[in-house]
C-alpha atoms as a PDB file:
ATOM      1  CA  MET A   1      -0.073  -0.100  -0.039  1.00  0.00           C
ATOM      2  CA  LYS A   2       1.290   3.081  -1.266  1.00  0.00           C
ATOM      3  CA  LYS A   3       1.523   6.528   1.474  1.00  0.00           C
ATOM      4  CA  LEU A   4      -1.718   8.637   1.014  1.00  0.00           C
ATOM      5  CA  ASP A   5      -1.222  11.414   3.304  1.00  0.00           C
ATOM      6  CA  GLY A   6       0.002  14.430   1.392  1.00  0.00           C
ATOM      7  CA  GLN A   7       1.278  12.795  -1.477  1.00  0.00           C
ATOM      8  CA  PHE A   8       0.005  12.189  -4.757  1.00  0.00           C
ATOM      9  CA  HIS A   9      -1.539   8.530  -6.072  1.00  0.00           C
ATOM     10  CA  LYS A  10      -0.147   7.402  -8.796  1.00  0.00           C
ATOM     11  CA  ALA A  11      -3.638   5.832 -10.013  1.00  0.00           C
ATOM     12  CA  PHE A  12      -5.401   9.471  -9.851  1.00  0.00           C
ATOM     13  CA  GLU A  13      -2.485  10.441 -12.627  1.00  0.00           C
ATOM     14  CA  ASN A  14      -4.893   9.502 -15.872  1.00  0.00           C
ATOM     15  CA  ARG A  15      -7.269  11.961 -16.511  1.00  0.00           C
ATOM     16  CA  ILE A  16     -10.100   9.526 -17.028  1.00  0.00           C
ATOM     17  CA  ARG A  17      -9.352   8.031 -13.952  1.00  0.00           C
ATOM     18  CA  LEU A  18      -9.436  11.235 -12.080  1.00  0.00           C
ATOM     19  CA  GLY A  19     -12.980  11.458 -13.705  1.00  0.00           C
ATOM     20  CA  ILE A  20     -14.399   8.568 -12.552  1.00  0.00           C
ATOM     21  CA  MET A  21     -13.714   9.181  -8.833  1.00  0.00           C
ATOM     22  CA  SER A  22     -14.569  12.652  -9.293  1.00  0.00           C
ATOM     23  CA  ALA A  23     -18.099  11.642 -10.666  1.00  0.00           C
ATOM     24  CA  LEU A  24     -18.058   8.324  -7.874  1.00  0.00           C
ATOM     25  CA  ALA A  25     -17.579  11.038  -5.266  1.00  0.00           C
ATOM     26  CA  VAL A  26     -20.762  13.102  -5.514  1.00  0.00           C
ATOM     27  CA  ASN A  27     -22.646   9.914  -6.573  1.00  0.00           C
ATOM     28  CA  ASP A  28     -23.542   6.826  -4.538  1.00  0.00           C
ATOM     29  CA  THR A  29     -23.205   4.850  -7.557  1.00  0.00           C
ATOM     30  CA  LEU A  30     -23.431   4.818 -11.248  1.00  0.00           C
ATOM     31  CA  ASP A  31     -23.865   2.412 -14.190  1.00  0.00           C
ATOM     32  CA  PHE A  32     -21.386   1.760 -17.040  1.00  0.00           C
ATOM     33  CA  SER A  33     -23.501   3.825 -19.353  1.00  0.00           C
ATOM     34  CA  ALA A  34     -23.583   7.013 -17.406  1.00  0.00           C
ATOM     35  CA  LEU A  35     -19.884   7.255 -16.626  1.00  0.00           C
ATOM     36  CA  LYS A  36     -19.235   6.236 -20.484  1.00  0.00           C
ATOM     37  CA  ASP A  37     -21.730   9.153 -21.293  1.00  0.00           C
ATOM     38  CA  TYR A  38     -20.315  11.836 -18.585  1.00  0.00           C
ATOM     39  CA  LEU A  39     -16.519  11.327 -19.512  1.00  0.00           C
ATOM     40  CA  GLU A  40     -16.978  10.667 -23.078  1.00  0.00           C
ATOM     41  CA  VAL A  41     -15.007   7.776 -23.610  1.00  0.00           C
ATOM     42  CA  THR A  42     -14.727   4.314 -25.317  1.00  0.00           C
ATOM     43  CA  ASP A  43     -15.999   1.113 -23.381  1.00  0.00           C
ATOM     44  CA  GLY A  44     -12.892  -0.299 -24.002  1.00  0.00           C
ATOM     45  CA  ASN A  45     -10.818   2.888 -22.938  1.00  0.00           C
ATOM     46  CA  LEU A  46     -13.637   3.045 -19.673  1.00  0.00           C
ATOM     47  CA  ALA A  47     -13.195  -0.616 -18.808  1.00  0.00           C
ATOM     48  CA  SER A  48      -9.269  -0.480 -18.504  1.00  0.00           C
ATOM     49  CA  HIS A  49      -9.329   2.583 -16.549  1.00  0.00           C
ATOM     50  CA  LEU A  50     -12.228   0.783 -13.968  1.00  0.00           C
ATOM     51  CA  LYS A  51     -10.536  -2.175 -14.115  1.00  0.00           C
ATOM     52  CA  ALA A  52      -6.982  -0.129 -12.789  1.00  0.00           C
ATOM     53  CA  LEU A  53      -9.159   1.258  -9.859  1.00  0.00           C
ATOM     54  CA  GLU A  54     -10.742  -1.638  -8.661  1.00  0.00           C
ATOM     55  CA  LYS A  55      -7.175  -3.324  -9.093  1.00  0.00           C
ATOM     56  CA  GLU A  56      -6.423  -0.877  -6.566  1.00  0.00           C
ATOM     57  CA  ALA A  57      -9.512  -1.387  -4.068  1.00  0.00           C
ATOM     58  CA  PHE A  58     -10.897   2.335  -5.185  1.00  0.00           C
ATOM     59  CA  VAL A  59     -13.959   1.047  -6.840  1.00  0.00           C
ATOM     60  CA  GLY A  60     -16.385  -0.998  -6.346  1.00  0.00           C
ATOM     61  CA  VAL A  61     -18.628  -3.243  -8.453  1.00  0.00           C
ATOM     62  CA  SER A  62     -22.738  -4.769  -8.367  1.00  0.00           C
ATOM     63  CA  LYS A  63     -23.794  -6.835 -11.022  1.00  0.00           C
ATOM     64  CA  THR A  64     -27.393  -7.128 -11.537  1.00  0.00           C
ATOM     65  CA  PHE A  65     -29.795  -7.383 -14.332  1.00  0.00           C
ATOM     66  CA  VAL A  66     -32.610  -5.031 -15.461  1.00  0.00           C
ATOM     67  CA  ASP A  67     -35.252  -6.078 -17.599  1.00  0.00           C
ATOM     68  CA  ARG A  68     -33.234  -9.261 -18.067  1.00  0.00           C
ATOM     69  CA  LYS A  69     -30.256  -6.971 -19.205  1.00  0.00           C
ATOM     70  CA  PRO A  70     -26.636  -7.255 -17.626  1.00  0.00           C
ATOM     71  CA  ASN A  71     -26.167  -3.679 -15.272  1.00  0.00           C
ATOM     72  CA  THR A  72     -22.875  -3.060 -14.058  1.00  0.00           C
ATOM     73  CA  LYS A  73     -22.812  -0.144 -10.819  1.00  0.00           C
ATOM     74  CA  TYR A  74     -19.758   1.182  -9.849  1.00  0.00           C
ATOM     75  CA  SER A  75     -19.313   2.980  -6.107  1.00  0.00           C
ATOM     76  CA  ILE A  76     -16.026   4.678  -4.363  1.00  0.00           C
ATOM     77  CA  THR A  77     -14.969   2.008  -1.589  1.00  0.00           C
ATOM     78  CA  MET A  78     -13.864   3.901   1.627  1.00  0.00           C
ATOM     79  CA  ALA A  79      -9.855   3.074   0.348  1.00  0.00           C
ATOM     80  CA  GLY A  80     -11.131   5.306  -2.605  1.00  0.00           C
ATOM     81  CA  LYS A  81     -12.170   8.122  -0.495  1.00  0.00           C
ATOM     82  CA  LYS A  82      -9.409   8.263   0.976  1.00  0.00           C
ATOM     83  CA  ALA A  83      -7.191   7.991  -1.657  1.00  0.00           C
ATOM     84  CA  PHE A  84      -8.890  10.632  -3.225  1.00  0.00           C
ATOM     85  CA  GLU A  85      -9.267  12.929  -0.749  1.00  0.00           C
ATOM     86  CA  ALA A  86      -5.730  12.760   0.058  1.00  0.00           C
ATOM     87  CA  HIS A  87      -4.731  13.343  -3.716  1.00  0.00           C
ATOM     88  CA  LEU A  88      -6.856  16.699  -3.980  1.00  0.00           C
ATOM     89  CA  ASN A  89      -5.375  17.958  -0.643  1.00  0.00           C
ATOM     90  CA  ALA A  90      -1.980  17.370  -2.651  1.00  0.00           C
ATOM     91  CA  LEU A  91      -3.126  19.169  -5.355  1.00  0.00           C
ATOM     92  CA  GLU A  92      -4.806  21.979  -3.397  1.00  0.00           C
ATOM     93  CA  GLN A  93      -1.165  22.683  -1.283  1.00  0.00           C
ATOM     94  CA  LEU A  94       0.293  22.607  -4.777  1.00  0.00           C
ATOM     95  CA  ILE A  95      -1.471  25.072  -6.084  1.00  0.00           C
ATOM     96  CA  LYS A  96      -1.327  27.219  -3.023  1.00  0.00           C
ATOM     97  CA  SER A  97       2.534  26.579  -3.264  1.00  0.00           C
ATOM     98  CA  HIS A  98       2.702  28.182  -6.246  1.00  0.00           C
ATOM     99  CA  LYS A  99       0.738  31.297  -5.770  1.00  0.00           C
END
């Protein structure tokens, strides 16, 4: 596990991952289609970034069926929330130090 306090986290260096975490931070859950539309990315691109965040245990996944169609919903985990907040705090400190 990487140290998070006041440090940037490598998992959030990509703008798509940052977008995923931002969207999930303000929504309880979002399904794959909603994230794809919000971020304007391809299925494959979104899937690879979600997998990376899942691997870090920053994103939780729930698979269900809606009208016999598979529906995958994503949510931010407690570890994800803490890591994302630490990353945002580090960004804020960087911005403040350059004023």
